[in-house]
Structure formats: C-alpha cells, structure tokens
Amino acid sequence: MPFTPARRVSTFGTTIFAEMTALAMQHNAINLSQGFPDFDGPAEVKRAAIAAIESGKNQYALSNGESDLRRAVAAHAARFYGQSPDPDTEVTIVSGATEGLFSTIVGLVNPGDEVIIFEPFFDGYVPDVIMAGGVPRYVPLRAPDWHFDPGELAAAFGPRTRLILVNSPHNPTGKVYSRAELEAIAALCRKWNVIALSDEVYEHITFDGVPHVRLATLPGMAERTVTISSHGKTFSFTGWKIGWCIAPPDLTTAIRRAHQFVAFASVTPMQAAAVVSLSLDDEYYAALAADYQHKRDTLAGILREAGFEVSPPAGTYFIMAGIAPLGFTDDVEFCRYLARDIGVAAIPPSAFYSEEHKALGKGYARFAFCKKMETLEQAAERLARLKLA
C-alpha cells in the first residue's frame, strides 16, 4: 500500500510554472510562461562570482548572510528609499525570495492565524500559509486596472488577522500599488496591529515614470513590515537564488529562527557577487527599466496584432492579455492549445486565484517579456497563426 503525503501538502499539485514549462519543452514551444530571462545579467557580476569561487569562498556562509552583502542590502535601502536598517539585526540573506517568504510566514504565523492575500497571487503564498497552519483570507483585485475594493479589504481584517501579503509591483498583473492604496493598507495594519509582508522583487522594474513606493517607509509601518526582495529579478540571475529580508529586530528574529532550519545559509560565492551587483551605478537601474519598457511595448503590440486584448502593465515583466476576442473563455484550455498548436507557452492565471474567485482569471493568459528581442520576434511569427486558426 503506498504512503500518502502529509495532510499539510496533500492538496498541493505541481506548480503551474513546472507544468507549463514541461509543456513548452514537449512541444518545442517558445517559453513566455515562467518568468526567467533567457539572457544573463552583467558580465562584471559573473566575473565576481568566478573570482569568489577561485579565491576559496566555497564553504558555508554565515546563516544570516555574509556581512558584506548584508551591508550592501542596507546601503541599497538607504540609497533608494532613505531607510537605515541595521545590517546585523535587521537584514537577513535568504535562498531567493521564495525561501524568504516561507521562512517569514512559518516564523510569524501561528496555527489558526488569518493571513490576507490579494488575488491573483504568486502561487507560493497560499501553500506557505497552509504549511504554517494559517487561514488564507482573499481580497480580489478587479480588472481592468486591478484595483481592490476598500470595503472588501476592511472586511477581511479582524481580531484573528496576523499578517497581510502585499506584492508590488504585482505578479501576475503588472499593477504598481499607488501611495494612496498603500496608505489604506497601512491604516488597517495599524488599526488591527497586523504585520505586513511586502514582496518587492520587481522594485526596479516600473514603467512610464510610475514610482515604486516601499510600504515600510509609510508612517507606522517600519516596525511592522517585512520587506522581501530578490537579486534574481533585478540582476537577471534567477538561478543563483539570492534574496533578502529587511525587518525590525523582533520580526527578524522570527525569520532567522525559521531560516536556519530551512536553508541554513545561502550560496557563498553568489553572495560575494551580489555585493558587486548592488554597487552598480544608477545608469544600470535606468537601463534595466528602459529595456523592459521597450520589450513590454514590443510584446503588447505583438499580442494586440494577434487578437488579444491588452492593457500595458505599469511594472514587472508580465502582461495579462485578454483571450475573449480569440473566442476562448477558459485560460487553462487556451494555454494548453497555445503551447501545443501555436508553439508559444503562457501561464493560465486562474492558477493564481482561490476557488471562490477563480472565474476572475479565466479570461486571461499571462505572458513574460523578460526575453531577448529575437525570442519575442520568434513568438510574434508563431502568434500570427492565431488569426489563421
């Protein structure tokens, strides 16, 4: 008789990213599904990683992160947001933002605690809450501008609320929360004494002059916010799995107590290289956003020409494209067809919703534009087949 999974994971399936990437490989489709670049980041950062390996930085790092990198993260927070986190007590290096999310949620959420999650959501959020014994409470973002209803959000807070998850710039919609929206969230956090977990991995990828506002910088939020970001998204080395958590000492203690038994430490030579990344000048960050804005506009045009309904995102490197003009009402069916018969892989966004609100994602497909221009041009040639189908 086969053994069954533990109850805490028994409802989990394979992630939609793994499923669609496998489908792309099976059908030799151009993969615009999973959000990883098909190009490398800066050459000087690669050279720094190689130099670190060759100089013998190959054993365990400090569990909380190498001192140089924690100081570089603190300096980055000061440079871009005017923050001054203590690198020894308020910065923790983790094995990618995904591990940072898990260690934060497991370290701070007790069984029975409620966690507010905006949907659509990054697909790791809900499993993390469930594994911690928490109870997800969902607040939908409404198309076409992906706003939340202030009344629905206020109703989600209560005496059992422990934490709210905020992702801005937002995956998968590309929404960048406005200061007014964040102030509304902050007011409710202060009222109910709730912790905010702010996932800001796309912090440097915003367009058309739209600013990214760090939630922790709003009044009364520094003492109750965990800010998580990622080396992979800003510097295009997603496989290195280097991320960081910034939080006040009491919250940092909880994160580190979990982190030490999840990953213990992150990859040592990649931490050394990340120090170099964070020291890059302002021109790098400006060029990053400009390059992605050009690719956003390119892919938006390709999708419109193919018959999709498109509203350009304000941030991230994803586009949520409406599939109704193409005659489809089911995103999963459409994305399987797209990979199998057209040769382009996308993500069905209904995977990022609770059962209650899953219908809100059925009319879209999510495409990633963190690709070389030639990859987008090849995708355009294949997507043109939709008009002939």
Protein backbone atom coordinates (compact mmCIF):
# COMPACT_ATOMS: atom_id res chain seq x y z
CA MET A 1 0.00 0.00 0.00
CA PRO A 2 1.61 3.35 -1.00
CA PHE A 3 2.21 6.03 1.58
CA THR A 4 0.24 9.26 1.26
CA PRO A 5 1.56 12.81 1.69
CA ALA A 6 1.18 14.65 4.96
CA ARG A 7 -2.12 16.49 5.24
CA ARG A 8 -0.38 19.87 5.09
CA VAL A 9 0.72 19.19 1.50
CA SER A 10 -1.96 16.72 0.39
CA THR A 11 -3.90 19.36 -1.58
CA PHE A 12 -0.86 20.71 -3.42
CA GLY A 13 -0.33 19.84 -7.06
CA THR A 14 2.60 20.52 -9.35
CA THR A 15 3.15 24.26 -9.72
CA ILE A 16 1.65 25.78 -12.85
CA PHE A 17 5.14 27.03 -13.77
CA ALA A 18 6.54 23.49 -13.86
CA GLU A 19 3.53 22.22 -15.80
CA MET A 20 3.67 24.88 -18.50
CA THR A 21 7.47 24.73 -18.82
CA ALA A 22 7.23 20.96 -19.31
CA LEU A 23 4.51 21.50 -21.92
CA ALA A 24 6.72 24.04 -23.68
CA MET A 25 9.60 21.55 -23.79
CA GLN A 26 7.33 18.75 -25.03
CA HIS A 27 6.05 20.83 -27.96
CA ASN A 28 9.22 22.87 -28.58
CA ALA A 29 7.23 26.00 -27.79
CA ILE A 30 8.73 29.42 -27.16
CA ASN A 31 8.52 29.75 -23.40
CA LEU A 32 6.87 33.02 -22.40
CA SER A 33 5.37 31.35 -19.34
CA GLN A 34 7.88 31.16 -16.49
CA GLY A 35 9.46 34.49 -15.52
CA PHE A 36 13.13 33.80 -16.09
CA PRO A 37 15.28 35.76 -18.57
CA ASP A 38 16.83 33.90 -21.50
CA PHE A 39 19.91 36.10 -21.10
CA ASP A 40 22.48 36.69 -18.38
CA GLY A 41 22.94 39.72 -16.17
CA PRO A 42 26.00 41.98 -16.02
CA ALA A 43 29.36 40.46 -17.02
CA GLU A 44 31.16 42.05 -14.08
CA VAL A 45 28.82 40.25 -11.69
CA LYS A 46 29.57 36.90 -13.34
CA ARG A 47 33.28 37.65 -13.06
CA ALA A 48 32.82 38.41 -9.36
CA ALA A 49 31.17 35.02 -8.81
CA ILE A 50 34.00 33.25 -10.63
CA ALA A 51 36.60 35.19 -8.66
CA ALA A 52 34.88 34.29 -5.40
CA ILE A 53 34.91 30.59 -6.28
CA GLU A 54 38.56 30.70 -7.33
CA SER A 55 39.57 32.57 -4.19
CA GLY A 56 38.12 29.82 -1.99
CA LYS A 57 34.76 31.28 -0.92
CA ASN A 58 33.14 27.88 -1.23
CA GLN A 59 32.19 26.81 2.29
CA TYR A 60 29.14 27.61 4.37
CA ALA A 61 28.28 31.27 4.64
CA LEU A 62 27.05 32.78 7.87
CA SER A 63 23.46 31.65 8.38
CA ASN A 64 22.13 35.22 8.40
CA GLY A 65 24.19 36.13 5.35
CA GLU A 66 27.72 37.31 4.73
CA SER A 67 28.45 40.63 6.41
CA ASP A 68 29.45 42.40 3.17
CA LEU A 69 26.16 41.51 1.50
CA ARG A 70 24.02 42.48 4.48
CA ARG A 71 25.74 45.85 4.46
CA ALA A 72 25.23 46.19 0.72
CA VAL A 73 21.50 45.48 1.14
CA ALA A 74 21.27 48.10 3.89
CA ALA A 75 23.12 50.61 1.68
CA HIS A 76 20.71 49.89 -1.19
CA ALA A 77 17.75 50.57 1.13
CA ALA A 78 19.32 53.89 2.14
CA ARG A 79 20.16 54.84 -1.45
CA PHE A 80 16.73 54.23 -2.94
CA TYR A 81 14.31 54.62 -0.01
CA GLY A 82 16.03 56.64 2.69
CA GLN A 83 15.90 53.71 5.11
CA SER A 84 18.69 52.86 7.55
CA PRO A 85 18.28 49.20 8.54
CA ASP A 86 20.88 47.73 10.86
CA PRO A 87 22.67 45.08 8.77
CA ASP A 88 23.38 42.98 11.87
CA THR A 89 19.87 42.87 13.34
CA GLU A 90 17.50 43.82 10.52
CA VAL A 91 18.84 42.24 7.30
CA THR A 92 18.80 38.51 6.54
CA ILE A 93 20.12 36.89 3.36
CA VAL A 94 17.91 34.05 2.14
CA SER A 95 17.95 31.50 -0.69
CA GLY A 96 15.81 33.54 -3.01
CA ALA A 97 12.64 35.46 -2.23
CA THR A 98 10.72 32.17 -2.26
CA GLU A 99 12.62 30.91 0.76
CA GLY A 100 12.35 34.33 2.39
CA LEU A 101 8.57 34.19 2.05
CA PHE A 102 8.41 30.70 3.54
CA SER A 103 10.74 31.47 6.44
CA THR A 104 8.85 34.68 7.21
CA ILE A 105 5.42 33.06 7.17
CA VAL A 106 6.48 29.98 9.11
CA GLY A 107 8.34 32.18 11.59
CA LEU A 108 5.45 34.56 12.22
CA VAL A 109 2.13 32.80 11.58
CA ASN A 110 0.58 30.57 14.24
CA PRO A 111 -2.00 27.84 13.54
CA GLY A 112 -5.38 29.49 13.17
CA ASP A 113 -3.99 32.94 12.36
CA GLU A 114 -5.57 34.61 9.36
CA VAL A 115 -3.43 35.93 6.51
CA ILE A 116 -4.87 38.37 3.96
CA ILE A 117 -3.83 37.68 0.37
CA PHE A 118 -4.69 39.77 -2.67
CA GLU A 119 -5.57 37.71 -5.72
CA PRO A 120 -4.38 36.88 -8.26
CA PHE A 121 -1.34 35.92 -6.19
CA PHE A 122 2.11 34.43 -6.68
CA ASP A 123 1.41 30.73 -6.35
CA GLY A 124 3.76 30.17 -3.38
CA TYR A 125 1.82 32.38 -0.96
CA VAL A 126 -1.11 30.10 -0.16
CA PRO A 127 0.91 26.89 0.34
CA ASP A 128 3.24 28.76 2.71
CA VAL A 129 0.28 29.92 4.80
CA ILE A 130 -1.25 26.44 4.83
CA MET A 131 2.04 24.80 5.87
CA ALA A 132 2.24 27.29 8.75
CA GLY A 133 -1.28 26.33 9.82
CA GLY A 134 -2.67 29.73 8.87
CA VAL A 135 -6.00 30.53 7.25
CA PRO A 136 -5.93 32.49 3.96
CA ARG A 137 -8.40 35.36 3.56
CA TYR A 138 -8.72 36.52 -0.03
CA VAL A 139 -9.28 40.01 -1.41
CA PRO A 140 -9.63 40.15 -5.22
CA LEU A 141 -8.05 42.74 -7.47
CA ARG A 142 -10.54 43.81 -10.14
CA ALA A 143 -9.73 44.26 -13.83
CA PRO A 144 -9.01 46.21 -15.91
CA ASP A 145 -6.90 48.34 -13.56
CA TRP A 146 -6.58 45.65 -10.87
CA HIS A 147 -7.90 47.80 -8.03
CA PHE A 148 -9.12 46.48 -4.71
CA ASP A 149 -12.39 47.45 -3.10
CA PRO A 150 -11.61 49.32 0.16
CA GLY A 151 -14.72 47.85 1.78
CA GLU A 152 -13.75 44.29 0.86
CA LEU A 153 -10.26 44.87 2.23
CA ALA A 154 -11.51 46.36 5.50
CA ALA A 155 -13.92 43.45 5.94
CA ALA A 156 -11.05 40.97 5.65
CA PHE A 157 -9.33 42.37 8.77
CA GLY A 158 -10.35 41.17 12.21
CA PRO A 159 -9.05 40.03 15.60
CA ARG A 160 -7.55 36.84 14.12
CA THR A 161 -5.63 38.67 11.37
CA ARG A 162 -1.89 38.21 11.85
CA LEU A 163 -0.42 39.25 8.52
CA ILE A 164 -1.20 40.75 5.13
CA LEU A 165 0.76 39.90 1.98
CA VAL A 166 1.34 42.79 -0.43
CA ASN A 167 3.14 42.30 -3.74
CA SER A 168 4.10 45.50 -5.57
CA PRO A 169 4.98 45.67 -8.41
CA HIS A 170 2.49 42.84 -8.71
CA ASN A 171 2.88 39.43 -10.31
CA PRO A 172 0.92 38.48 -12.41
CA THR A 173 -0.99 41.67 -13.25
CA GLY A 174 1.87 44.18 -13.51
CA LYS A 175 0.00 46.53 -11.15
CA VAL A 176 2.07 49.00 -9.12
CA TYR A 177 0.24 49.94 -5.93
CA SER A 178 -0.24 53.69 -5.57
CA ARG A 179 0.75 55.56 -2.44
CA ALA A 180 -2.95 56.05 -1.64
CA GLU A 181 -3.60 52.32 -1.88
CA LEU A 182 -0.63 51.53 0.34
CA GLU A 183 -1.73 54.16 2.86
CA ALA A 184 -5.15 52.47 3.04
CA ILE A 185 -3.44 49.13 3.71
CA ALA A 186 -1.14 50.73 6.28
CA ALA A 187 -4.05 52.31 8.15
CA LEU A 188 -5.74 48.93 8.53
CA CYS A 189 -2.47 47.31 9.65
CA ARG A 190 -2.07 49.96 12.35
CA LYS A 191 -5.72 49.68 13.43
CA TRP A 192 -5.61 45.90 13.84
CA ASN A 193 -1.92 45.58 14.84
CA VAL A 194 -1.17 43.44 11.78
CA ILE A 195 2.22 42.57 10.24
CA ALA A 196 2.75 43.43 6.56
CA LEU A 197 4.84 41.16 4.36
CA SER A 198 5.82 43.26 1.35
CA ASP A 199 7.09 41.28 -1.63
CA GLU A 200 9.02 43.80 -3.74
CA VAL A 201 11.11 41.61 -6.01
CA TYR A 202 10.22 43.76 -9.07
CA GLU A 203 11.01 47.03 -7.26
CA HIS A 204 13.27 48.35 -10.05
CA ILE A 205 11.03 47.33 -12.96
CA THR A 206 8.40 50.05 -13.36
CA PHE A 207 7.42 52.00 -16.46
CA ASP A 208 6.19 55.36 -17.72
CA GLY A 209 7.50 57.18 -14.67
CA VAL A 210 5.29 55.23 -12.25
CA PRO A 211 7.10 55.19 -8.88
CA HIS A 212 7.52 52.19 -6.63
CA VAL A 213 6.64 53.13 -3.06
CA ARG A 214 8.13 50.97 -0.32
CA LEU A 215 5.40 50.09 2.19
CA ALA A 216 7.83 50.12 5.13
CA THR A 217 8.52 53.84 4.58
CA LEU A 218 4.93 54.89 5.36
CA PRO A 219 4.12 56.20 8.85
CA GLY A 220 3.88 53.49 11.48
CA MET A 221 4.95 50.72 9.10
CA ALA A 222 8.70 50.34 9.69
CA GLU A 223 8.05 48.49 12.95
CA ARG A 224 5.56 46.07 11.43
CA THR A 225 6.81 45.37 7.89
CA VAL A 226 8.97 42.61 6.44
CA THR A 227 10.32 43.71 3.04
CA ILE A 228 11.50 40.92 0.76
CA SER A 229 13.42 41.42 -2.48
CA SER A 230 15.47 39.39 -4.89
CA HIS A 231 18.81 39.55 -6.64
CA GLY A 232 17.45 37.36 -9.44
CA LYS A 233 14.80 39.75 -10.75
CA THR A 234 16.84 42.98 -10.71
CA PHE A 235 20.10 41.47 -11.97
CA SER A 236 18.82 38.59 -14.18
CA PHE A 237 20.45 35.72 -12.33
CA THR A 238 17.34 33.85 -11.16
CA GLY A 239 19.23 30.55 -10.83
CA TRP A 240 21.52 31.93 -8.13
CA LYS A 241 18.64 32.11 -5.62
CA ILE A 242 19.84 35.06 -3.55
CA GLY A 243 17.27 37.22 -1.78
CA TRP A 244 16.94 39.26 1.39
CA CYS A 245 14.51 40.18 4.13
CA ILE A 246 14.56 43.57 5.85
CA ALA A 247 12.59 43.78 9.09
CA PRO A 248 12.78 45.23 12.61
CA PRO A 249 14.74 43.10 15.12
CA ASP A 250 11.75 41.30 16.65
CA LEU A 251 10.45 40.18 13.25
CA THR A 252 13.96 39.40 12.03
CA THR A 253 14.48 37.06 15.00
CA ALA A 254 11.42 35.06 13.94
CA ILE A 255 12.58 34.90 10.30
CA ARG A 256 16.08 33.77 11.25
CA ARG A 257 14.82 31.07 13.60
CA ALA A 258 12.94 29.51 10.70
CA HIS A 259 15.59 30.23 8.06
CA GLN A 260 18.34 28.39 9.96
CA PHE A 261 16.35 25.15 9.67
CA VAL A 262 15.06 25.68 6.12
CA ALA A 263 18.22 26.52 4.17
CA PHE A 264 20.67 27.39 6.98
CA ALA A 265 22.73 29.53 4.60
CA SER A 266 22.68 30.76 1.01
CA VAL A 267 25.34 30.13 -1.64
CA THR A 268 28.59 31.76 -0.55
CA PRO A 269 30.23 32.83 -3.86
CA MET A 270 26.94 34.16 -5.20
CA GLN A 271 26.63 36.35 -2.11
CA ALA A 272 30.03 37.85 -2.91
CA ALA A 273 28.90 38.57 -6.47
CA ALA A 274 25.64 40.13 -5.24
CA VAL A 275 27.69 42.74 -3.38
CA VAL A 276 29.04 43.84 -6.77
CA SER A 277 25.52 43.88 -8.24
CA LEU A 278 24.18 46.19 -5.55
CA SER A 279 27.07 48.61 -6.11
CA LEU A 280 26.19 49.20 -9.79
CA ASP A 281 25.54 52.83 -10.68
CA ASP A 282 22.20 54.50 -11.35
CA GLU A 283 22.65 54.03 -15.08
CA TYR A 284 22.26 50.28 -14.65
CA TYR A 285 18.87 50.60 -12.98
CA ALA A 286 17.64 53.16 -15.51
CA ALA A 287 18.76 50.94 -18.40
CA LEU A 288 17.05 47.91 -16.85
CA ALA A 289 13.68 49.67 -16.68
CA ALA A 290 14.09 51.21 -20.15
CA ASP A 291 14.97 47.86 -21.72
CA TYR A 292 11.99 46.15 -20.16
CA GLN A 293 9.67 49.01 -21.12
CA HIS A 294 10.76 48.57 -24.74
CA LYS A 295 10.13 44.84 -24.51
CA ARG A 296 6.78 45.45 -22.83
CA ASP A 297 5.72 47.69 -25.68
CA THR A 298 7.00 45.20 -28.24
CA LEU A 299 5.13 42.25 -26.75
CA ALA A 300 1.98 44.33 -26.18
CA GLY A 301 1.99 45.20 -29.88
CA ILE A 302 2.57 41.58 -30.87
CA LEU A 303 -0.31 40.39 -28.70
CA ARG A 304 -2.70 43.07 -29.97
CA GLU A 305 -1.82 42.19 -33.57
CA ALA A 306 -2.56 38.54 -32.78
CA GLY A 307 -6.01 39.46 -31.47
CA PHE A 308 -5.57 39.69 -27.69
CA GLU A 309 -6.97 42.46 -25.53
CA VAL A 310 -4.00 44.19 -23.89
CA SER A 311 -3.57 46.85 -21.20
CA PRO A 312 0.17 47.56 -20.73
CA PRO A 313 1.38 46.85 -17.18
CA ALA A 314 2.91 49.56 -15.00
CA GLY A 315 5.62 47.22 -13.71
CA THR A 316 7.14 43.70 -13.60
CA TYR A 317 7.87 41.81 -16.81
CA PHE A 318 4.45 40.25 -17.35
CA ILE A 319 1.40 41.08 -19.44
CA MET A 320 -2.08 39.81 -18.62
CA ALA A 321 -3.73 39.52 -22.05
CA GLY A 322 -7.46 39.04 -22.55
CA ILE A 323 -8.35 35.93 -24.57
CA ALA A 324 -12.07 36.57 -25.14
CA PRO A 325 -11.53 38.25 -28.57
CA LEU A 326 -9.95 34.98 -29.71
CA GLY A 327 -13.08 33.04 -28.81
CA PHE A 328 -11.79 31.39 -25.61
CA THR A 329 -13.34 31.52 -22.14
CA ASP A 330 -11.09 29.05 -20.30
CA ASP A 331 -7.48 30.07 -19.66
CA VAL A 332 -6.18 26.54 -18.97
CA GLU A 333 -7.69 25.18 -22.17
CA PHE A 334 -6.34 28.16 -24.11
CA CYS A 335 -2.77 27.93 -22.74
CA ARG A 336 -2.58 24.22 -23.49
CA TYR A 337 -3.81 24.89 -27.03
CA LEU A 338 -1.36 27.76 -27.41
CA ALA A 339 1.64 25.62 -26.46
CA ARG A 340 0.53 22.54 -28.36
CA ASP A 341 -0.82 24.03 -31.60
CA ILE A 342 0.69 27.51 -31.87
CA GLY A 343 4.09 26.90 -30.25
CA VAL A 344 4.07 29.58 -27.56
CA ALA A 345 3.78 28.88 -23.84
CA ALA A 346 1.94 31.19 -21.44
CA ILE A 347 0.53 30.83 -17.92
CA PRO A 348 -3.20 30.42 -17.18
CA PRO A 349 -3.83 32.98 -14.40
CA SER A 350 -6.74 31.11 -12.79
CA ALA A 351 -3.97 29.16 -11.02
CA PHE A 352 -3.35 32.33 -9.02
CA TYR A 353 -6.88 32.52 -7.55
CA SER A 354 -8.83 30.83 -4.79
CA GLU A 355 -11.70 28.57 -5.83
CA GLU A 356 -14.14 31.35 -4.86
CA HIS A 357 -12.68 33.83 -7.33
CA LYS A 358 -11.11 31.55 -9.96
CA ALA A 359 -13.53 32.76 -12.65
CA LEU A 360 -11.88 36.21 -12.46
CA GLY A 361 -8.73 34.78 -14.08
CA LYS A 362 -10.33 32.57 -16.72
CA GLY A 363 -10.38 35.28 -19.38
CA TYR A 364 -6.63 35.94 -19.46
CA ALA A 365 -3.23 34.46 -20.28
CA ARG A 366 -0.04 35.74 -18.68
CA PHE A 367 2.98 36.29 -20.91
CA ALA A 368 6.55 37.07 -19.78
CA PHE A 369 8.67 39.54 -21.75
CA CYS A 370 11.97 39.02 -19.88
CA LYS A 371 13.38 37.61 -23.09
CA LYS A 372 15.76 38.53 -25.88
CA MET A 373 14.23 40.58 -28.68
CA GLU A 374 14.80 37.71 -31.10
CA THR A 375 12.77 35.45 -28.80
CA LEU A 376 9.88 37.92 -28.85
CA GLU A 377 10.16 38.20 -32.64
CA GLN A 378 10.00 34.41 -32.98
CA ALA A 379 6.96 34.39 -30.73
CA ALA A 380 5.35 37.03 -32.98
CA GLU A 381 5.73 34.79 -36.02
CA ARG A 382 4.00 31.94 -34.23
CA LEU A 383 1.27 34.03 -32.59
CA ALA A 384 0.32 35.29 -36.05
CA ARG A 385 -1.07 31.78 -36.62
CA LEU A 386 -3.91 32.62 -34.22
CA LYS A 387 -5.52 34.76 -36.92
CA LEU A 388 -5.42 31.82 -39.29
CA ALA A 389 -6.78 29.30 -36.82
